[in-house]
All heavy atoms as atom14 arrays in JSON, in Angstrom:
{
  "sequence": "RYNITAIVNDKFQLDLPKYEEQGRINLSMFFAL",
  "atom14_mask": [
    [1, 1, 1, 1, 1, 1, 1, 1, 1, 1, 1, 0, 0, 0],
    [1, 1, 1, 1, 1, 1, 1, 1, 1, 1, 1, 1, 0, 0],
    [1, 1, 1, 1, 1, 1, 1, 1, 0, 0, 0, 0, 0, 0],
    [1, 1, 1, 1, 1, 1, 1, 1, 0, 0, 0, 0, 0, 0],
    [1, 1, 1, 1, 1, 1, 1, 0, 0, 0, 0, 0, 0, 0],
    [1, 1, 1, 1, 1, 0, 0, 0, 0, 0, 0, 0, 0, 0],
    [1, 1, 1, 1, 1, 1, 1, 1, 0, 0, 0, 0, 0, 0],
    [1, 1, 1, 1, 1, 1, 1, 0, 0, 0, 0, 0, 0, 0],
    [1, 1, 1, 1, 1, 1, 1, 1, 0, 0, 0, 0, 0, 0],
    [1, 1, 1, 1, 1, 1, 1, 1, 0, 0, 0, 0, 0, 0],
    [1, 1, 1, 1, 1, 1, 1, 1, 1, 0, 0, 0, 0, 0],
    [1, 1, 1, 1, 1, 1, 1, 1, 1, 1, 1, 0, 0, 0],
    [1, 1, 1, 1, 1, 1, 1, 1, 1, 0, 0, 0, 0, 0],
    [1, 1, 1, 1, 1, 1, 1, 1, 0, 0, 0, 0, 0, 0],
    [1, 1, 1, 1, 1, 1, 1, 1, 0, 0, 0, 0, 0, 0],
    [1, 1, 1, 1, 1, 1, 1, 1, 0, 0, 0, 0, 0, 0],
    [1, 1, 1, 1, 1, 1, 1, 0, 0, 0, 0, 0, 0, 0],
    [1, 1, 1, 1, 1, 1, 1, 1, 1, 0, 0, 0, 0, 0],
    [1, 1, 1, 1, 1, 1, 1, 1, 1, 1, 1, 1, 0, 0],
    [1, 1, 1, 1, 1, 1, 1, 1, 1, 0, 0, 0, 0, 0],
    [1, 1, 1, 1, 1, 1, 1, 1, 1, 0, 0, 0, 0, 0],
    [1, 1, 1, 1, 1, 1, 1, 1, 1, 0, 0, 0, 0, 0],
    [1, 1, 1, 1, 0, 0, 0, 0, 0, 0, 0, 0, 0, 0],
    [1, 1, 1, 1, 1, 1, 1, 1, 1, 1, 1, 0, 0, 0],
    [1, 1, 1, 1, 1, 1, 1, 1, 0, 0, 0, 0, 0, 0],
    [1, 1, 1, 1, 1, 1, 1, 1, 0, 0, 0, 0, 0, 0],
    [1, 1, 1, 1, 1, 1, 1, 1, 0, 0, 0, 0, 0, 0],
    [1, 1, 1, 1, 1, 1, 0, 0, 0, 0, 0, 0, 0, 0],
    [1, 1, 1, 1, 1, 1, 1, 1, 0, 0, 0, 0, 0, 0],
    [1, 1, 1, 1, 1, 1, 1, 1, 1, 1, 1, 0, 0, 0],
    [1, 1, 1, 1, 1, 1, 1, 1, 1, 1, 1, 0, 0, 0],
    [1, 1, 1, 1, 1, 0, 0, 0, 0, 0, 0, 0, 0, 0],
    [1, 1, 1, 1, 1, 1, 1, 1, 0, 0, 0, 0, 0, 0]
  ],
  "atom14_positions": [
    [[2.68, 12.46, 5.33], [2.31, 13.83, 5.02], [2.68, 14.75, 6.19], [2.4, 14.44, 7.35], [0.8, 13.94, 4.77], [0.32, 13.24, 3.52], [0.5, 14.09, 2.28], [-0.07, 13.44, 1.12], [-1.33, 13.59, 0.7], [-2.15, 14.39, 1.37], [-1.75, 12.96, -0.38], [0.0, 0.0, 0.0], [0.0, 0.0, 0.0], [0.0, 0.0, 0.0]],
    [[3.29, 15.86, 5.88], [3.69, 16.79, 6.92], [2.45, 17.53, 7.42], [1.66, 18.04, 6.63], [4.7, 17.8, 6.37], [5.62, 18.37, 7.42], [6.87, 17.8, 7.64], [5.25, 19.47, 8.19], [7.73, 18.32, 8.6], [6.1, 19.99, 9.14], [7.34, 19.41, 9.35], [8.18, 19.92, 10.31], [0.0, 0.0, 0.0], [0.0, 0.0, 0.0]],
    [[2.29, 17.59, 8.74], [1.14, 18.28, 9.34], [1.46, 19.77, 9.44], [2.04, 20.23, 10.43], [0.84, 17.67, 10.71], [-0.45, 18.23, 11.31], [-1.06, 19.15, 10.76], [-0.86, 17.68, 12.43], [0.0, 0.0, 0.0], [0.0, 0.0, 0.0], [0.0, 0.0, 0.0], [0.0, 0.0, 0.0], [0.0, 0.0, 0.0], [0.0, 0.0, 0.0]],
    [[1.07, 20.52, 8.43], [1.41, 21.95, 8.38], [0.7, 22.73, 9.47], [1.3, 23.6, 10.12], [1.08, 22.52, 6.99], [1.83, 21.76, 5.9], [1.4, 24.0, 6.94], [3.31, 21.81, 6.02], [0.0, 0.0, 0.0], [0.0, 0.0, 0.0], [0.0, 0.0, 0.0], [0.0, 0.0, 0.0], [0.0, 0.0, 0.0], [0.0, 0.0, 0.0]],
    [[-0.58, 22.45, 9.68], [-1.34, 23.23, 10.66], [-0.76, 23.09, 12.06], [-0.93, 23.98, 12.9], [-2.82, 22.79, 10.65], [-2.91, 21.38, 10.9], [-3.46, 23.1, 9.31], [0.0, 0.0, 0.0], [0.0, 0.0, 0.0], [0.0, 0.0, 0.0], [0.0, 0.0, 0.0], [0.0, 0.0, 0.0], [0.0, 0.0, 0.0], [0.0, 0.0, 0.0]],
    [[-0.07, 21.99, 12.32], [0.5, 21.78, 13.66], [1.67, 22.69, 13.94], [2.03, 22.9, 15.11], [0.92, 20.31, 13.82], [0.0, 0.0, 0.0], [0.0, 0.0, 0.0], [0.0, 0.0, 0.0], [0.0, 0.0, 0.0], [0.0, 0.0, 0.0], [0.0, 0.0, 0.0], [0.0, 0.0, 0.0], [0.0, 0.0, 0.0], [0.0, 0.0, 0.0]],
    [[2.31, 23.24, 12.93], [3.47, 24.1, 13.16], [3.14, 25.58, 12.98], [4.04, 26.41, 12.87], [4.64, 23.7, 12.22], [4.27, 23.89, 10.76], [5.06, 22.26, 12.48], [5.44, 23.68, 9.8], [0.0, 0.0, 0.0], [0.0, 0.0, 0.0], [0.0, 0.0, 0.0], [0.0, 0.0, 0.0], [0.0, 0.0, 0.0], [0.0, 0.0, 0.0]],
    [[1.84, 25.91, 12.93], [1.41, 27.31, 12.84], [0.81, 27.7, 14.18], [-0.14, 27.07, 14.67], [0.36, 27.5, 11.72], [-0.01, 28.97, 11.59], [0.88, 26.96, 10.4], [0.0, 0.0, 0.0], [0.0, 0.0, 0.0], [0.0, 0.0, 0.0], [0.0, 0.0, 0.0], [0.0, 0.0, 0.0], [0.0, 0.0, 0.0], [0.0, 0.0, 0.0]],
    [[1.36, 28.74, 14.81], [0.86, 29.16, 16.11], [-0.33, 30.11, 15.98], [-0.8, 30.4, 14.88], [1.97, 29.79, 16.95], [2.54, 31.06, 16.31], [1.9, 31.72, 15.49], [3.76, 31.41, 16.68], [0.0, 0.0, 0.0], [0.0, 0.0, 0.0], [0.0, 0.0, 0.0], [0.0, 0.0, 0.0], [0.0, 0.0, 0.0], [0.0, 0.0, 0.0]],
    [[-0.8, 30.61, 17.11], [-1.98, 31.48, 17.12], [-1.75, 32.79, 16.38], [-2.71, 33.45, 15.95], [-2.41, 31.78, 18.57], [-2.87, 30.53, 19.29], [-3.27, 29.57, 18.58], [-2.81, 30.48, 20.54], [0.0, 0.0, 0.0], [0.0, 0.0, 0.0], [0.0, 0.0, 0.0], [0.0, 0.0, 0.0], [0.0, 0.0, 0.0], [0.0, 0.0, 0.0]],
    [[-0.5, 33.22, 16.26], [-0.19, 34.46, 15.56], [0.06, 34.24, 14.06], [0.52, 35.15, 13.37], [1.05, 35.12, 16.19], [0.84, 35.56, 17.63], [2.1, 36.23, 18.18], [1.89, 36.7, 19.6], [3.11, 37.36, 20.16], [0.0, 0.0, 0.0], [0.0, 0.0, 0.0], [0.0, 0.0, 0.0], [0.0, 0.0, 0.0], [0.0, 0.0, 0.0]],
    [[-0.29, 33.05, 13.59], [-0.09, 32.7, 12.19], [1.39, 32.79, 11.81], [1.74, 33.28, 10.74], [-0.92, 33.61, 11.28], [-1.41, 32.91, 10.03], [-2.57, 33.3, 9.4], [-0.7, 31.84, 9.48], [-3.03, 32.66, 8.26], [-1.15, 31.2, 8.34], [-2.33, 31.61, 7.72], [0.0, 0.0, 0.0], [0.0, 0.0, 0.0], [0.0, 0.0, 0.0]],
    [[2.25, 32.29, 12.7], [3.68, 32.26, 12.46], [4.21, 30.87, 12.78], [3.48, 30.02, 13.3], [4.39, 33.33, 13.3], [3.98, 34.75, 12.98], [4.66, 35.77, 13.88], [5.65, 35.48, 14.54], [4.12, 36.99, 13.9], [0.0, 0.0, 0.0], [0.0, 0.0, 0.0], [0.0, 0.0, 0.0], [0.0, 0.0, 0.0], [0.0, 0.0, 0.0]],
    [[5.46, 30.63, 12.49], [6.05, 29.32, 12.71], [6.19, 29.02, 14.2], [6.75, 29.82, 14.96], [7.43, 29.24, 12.04], [8.2, 27.93, 12.22], [7.49, 26.78, 11.54], [9.63, 28.07, 11.69], [0.0, 0.0, 0.0], [0.0, 0.0, 0.0], [0.0, 0.0, 0.0], [0.0, 0.0, 0.0], [0.0, 0.0, 0.0], [0.0, 0.0, 0.0]],
    [[5.66, 27.87, 14.61], [5.82, 27.37, 15.97], [7.08, 26.5, 15.97], [7.04, 25.32, 15.61], [4.6, 26.56, 16.39], [4.61, 26.23, 17.88], [5.71, 25.99, 18.42], [3.53, 26.18, 18.5], [0.0, 0.0, 0.0], [0.0, 0.0, 0.0], [0.0, 0.0, 0.0], [0.0, 0.0, 0.0], [0.0, 0.0, 0.0], [0.0, 0.0, 0.0]],
    [[8.21, 27.09, 16.36], [9.5, 26.42, 16.21], [9.58, 25.1, 16.98], [10.08, 24.1, 16.45], [10.62, 27.36, 16.62], [12.04, 26.92, 16.24], [12.14, 26.65, 14.74], [13.06, 27.97, 16.67], [0.0, 0.0, 0.0], [0.0, 0.0, 0.0], [0.0, 0.0, 0.0], [0.0, 0.0, 0.0], [0.0, 0.0, 0.0], [0.0, 0.0, 0.0]],
    [[9.11, 25.03, 18.24], [9.17, 23.74, 18.95], [8.39, 22.64, 18.23], [8.84, 21.49, 18.15], [8.57, 24.06, 20.32], [8.82, 25.52, 20.51], [8.67, 26.12, 19.15], [0.0, 0.0, 0.0], [0.0, 0.0, 0.0], [0.0, 0.0, 0.0], [0.0, 0.0, 0.0], [0.0, 0.0, 0.0], [0.0, 0.0, 0.0], [0.0, 0.0, 0.0]],
    [[7.2, 22.97, 17.72], [6.41, 21.96, 17.0], [7.09, 21.56, 15.69], [7.02, 20.4, 15.27], [5.01, 22.52, 16.71], [4.16, 22.74, 17.95], [3.77, 21.42, 18.57], [2.85, 21.62, 19.78], [1.56, 22.21, 19.42], [0.0, 0.0, 0.0], [0.0, 0.0, 0.0], [0.0, 0.0, 0.0], [0.0, 0.0, 0.0], [0.0, 0.0, 0.0]],
    [[7.75, 22.53, 15.05], [8.48, 22.22, 13.82], [9.63, 21.26, 14.12], [9.84, 20.28, 13.4], [9.0, 23.5, 13.17], [9.97, 23.26, 12.03], [9.52, 22.84, 10.79], [11.34, 23.44, 12.22], [10.41, 22.6, 9.75], [12.24, 23.21, 11.18], [11.77, 22.79, 9.95], [12.66, 22.56, 8.93], [0.0, 0.0, 0.0], [0.0, 0.0, 0.0]],
    [[10.39, 21.54, 15.17], [11.51, 20.68, 15.52], [11.03, 19.29, 15.95], [11.73, 18.29, 15.77], [12.33, 21.33, 16.65], [13.04, 22.59, 16.18], [13.76, 23.3, 17.32], [13.48, 22.95, 18.49], [14.59, 24.19, 17.04], [0.0, 0.0, 0.0], [0.0, 0.0, 0.0], [0.0, 0.0, 0.0], [0.0, 0.0, 0.0], [0.0, 0.0, 0.0]],
    [[9.83, 19.24, 16.5], [9.26, 17.95, 16.9], [8.97, 17.07, 15.68], [9.22, 15.86, 15.69], [7.98, 18.18, 17.7], [7.32, 16.9, 18.21], [6.06, 17.21, 19.0], [5.99, 18.28, 19.65], [5.13, 16.38, 18.95], [0.0, 0.0, 0.0], [0.0, 0.0, 0.0], [0.0, 0.0, 0.0], [0.0, 0.0, 0.0], [0.0, 0.0, 0.0]],
    [[8.41, 17.67, 14.62], [8.12, 16.92, 13.4], [9.37, 16.69, 12.55], [9.46, 15.72, 11.81], [7.07, 17.65, 12.54], [5.64, 17.38, 12.96], [4.67, 17.71, 11.84], [4.45, 16.92, 10.93], [4.08, 18.89, 11.92], [0.0, 0.0, 0.0], [0.0, 0.0, 0.0], [0.0, 0.0, 0.0], [0.0, 0.0, 0.0], [0.0, 0.0, 0.0]],
    [[10.3, 17.6, 12.64], [11.53, 17.46, 11.86], [11.49, 18.26, 10.57], [10.52, 18.97, 10.26], [0.0, 0.0, 0.0], [0.0, 0.0, 0.0], [0.0, 0.0, 0.0], [0.0, 0.0, 0.0], [0.0, 0.0, 0.0], [0.0, 0.0, 0.0], [0.0, 0.0, 0.0], [0.0, 0.0, 0.0], [0.0, 0.0, 0.0], [0.0, 0.0, 0.0]],
    [[12.57, 18.18, 9.82], [12.69, 18.95, 8.6], [11.65, 18.54, 7.56], [11.23, 17.38, 7.51], [14.09, 18.77, 8.0], [15.2, 19.36, 8.84], [16.55, 19.08, 8.21], [17.65, 19.7, 8.97], [18.93, 19.62, 8.64], [19.27, 18.92, 7.55], [19.86, 20.21, 9.36], [0.0, 0.0, 0.0], [0.0, 0.0, 0.0], [0.0, 0.0, 0.0]],
    [[11.28, 19.5, 6.72], [10.36, 19.24, 5.63], [11.11, 18.57, 4.47], [12.23, 18.94, 4.14], [9.69, 20.55, 5.15], [8.6, 20.96, 6.16], [9.11, 20.42, 3.76], [7.91, 22.25, 5.82], [0.0, 0.0, 0.0], [0.0, 0.0, 0.0], [0.0, 0.0, 0.0], [0.0, 0.0, 0.0], [0.0, 0.0, 0.0], [0.0, 0.0, 0.0]],
    [[10.46, 17.58, 3.88], [11.03, 16.87, 2.73], [10.11, 17.02, 1.53], [8.88, 17.1, 1.67], [11.21, 15.39, 3.06], [12.24, 15.17, 4.14], [13.42, 14.98, 3.87], [11.8, 15.19, 5.4], [0.0, 0.0, 0.0], [0.0, 0.0, 0.0], [0.0, 0.0, 0.0], [0.0, 0.0, 0.0], [0.0, 0.0, 0.0], [0.0, 0.0, 0.0]],
    [[10.71, 17.04, 0.35], [9.97, 17.2, -0.9], [10.09, 15.95, -1.74], [11.07, 15.2, -1.63], [10.51, 18.39, -1.7], [10.74, 19.71, -0.96], [11.36, 20.74, -1.9], [9.43, 20.24, -0.39], [0.0, 0.0, 0.0], [0.0, 0.0, 0.0], [0.0, 0.0, 0.0], [0.0, 0.0, 0.0], [0.0, 0.0, 0.0], [0.0, 0.0, 0.0]],
    [[9.1, 15.72, -2.61], [9.25, 14.65, -3.58], [10.4, 14.99, -4.52], [10.79, 16.16, -4.65], [7.96, 14.47, -4.38], [7.78, 15.54, -5.29], [0.0, 0.0, 0.0], [0.0, 0.0, 0.0], [0.0, 0.0, 0.0], [0.0, 0.0, 0.0], [0.0, 0.0, 0.0], [0.0, 0.0, 0.0], [0.0, 0.0, 0.0], [0.0, 0.0, 0.0]],
    [[10.94, 13.96, -5.17], [12.09, 14.18, -6.04], [11.77, 15.19, -7.14], [12.56, 16.09, -7.43], [12.51, 12.85, -6.69], [13.83, 12.93, -7.45], [15.23, 13.17, -6.34], [15.44, 14.93, -6.31], [0.0, 0.0, 0.0], [0.0, 0.0, 0.0], [0.0, 0.0, 0.0], [0.0, 0.0, 0.0], [0.0, 0.0, 0.0], [0.0, 0.0, 0.0]],
    [[10.6, 15.05, -7.72], [10.27, 15.96, -8.82], [10.06, 17.39, -8.31], [10.48, 18.35, -8.96], [9.01, 15.49, -9.55], [8.75, 16.27, -10.8], [9.34, 15.9, -11.99], [7.95, 17.39, -10.79], [9.14, 16.63, -13.15], [7.73, 18.12, -11.94], [8.33, 17.74, -13.13], [0.0, 0.0, 0.0], [0.0, 0.0, 0.0], [0.0, 0.0, 0.0]],
    [[9.41, 17.55, -7.16], [9.15, 18.88, -6.62], [10.47, 19.58, -6.28], [10.64, 20.78, -6.52], [8.26, 18.77, -5.39], [7.49, 20.03, -5.08], [7.29, 21.02, -6.02], [6.95, 20.23, -3.81], [6.57, 22.17, -5.74], [6.23, 21.38, -3.51], [6.04, 22.35, -4.47], [0.0, 0.0, 0.0], [0.0, 0.0, 0.0], [0.0, 0.0, 0.0]],
    [[11.41, 18.83, -5.71], [12.71, 19.42, -5.37], [13.44, 19.88, -6.62], [13.98, 21.0, -6.69], [13.55, 18.41, -4.59], [0.0, 0.0, 0.0], [0.0, 0.0, 0.0], [0.0, 0.0, 0.0], [0.0, 0.0, 0.0], [0.0, 0.0, 0.0], [0.0, 0.0, 0.0], [0.0, 0.0, 0.0], [0.0, 0.0, 0.0], [0.0, 0.0, 0.0]],
    [[13.47, 19.01, -7.65], [14.16, 19.38, -8.87], [13.43, 20.47, -9.64], [14.04, 21.23, -10.39], [14.35, 18.15, -9.76], [15.4, 17.14, -9.28], [15.56, 16.02, -10.3], [16.74, 17.8, -9.01], [0.0, 0.0, 0.0], [0.0, 0.0, 0.0], [0.0, 0.0, 0.0], [0.0, 0.0, 0.0], [0.0, 0.0, 0.0], [0.0, 0.0, 0.0]]
  ]
}
């Protein structure tokens, strides 16, 4: 499970270093389609 709260900074925006640390987000096959 992707840890979403870990990539949100104090300004409620994307924390790019933490995002790059976890890597790209992946979706289930059905959700993607």
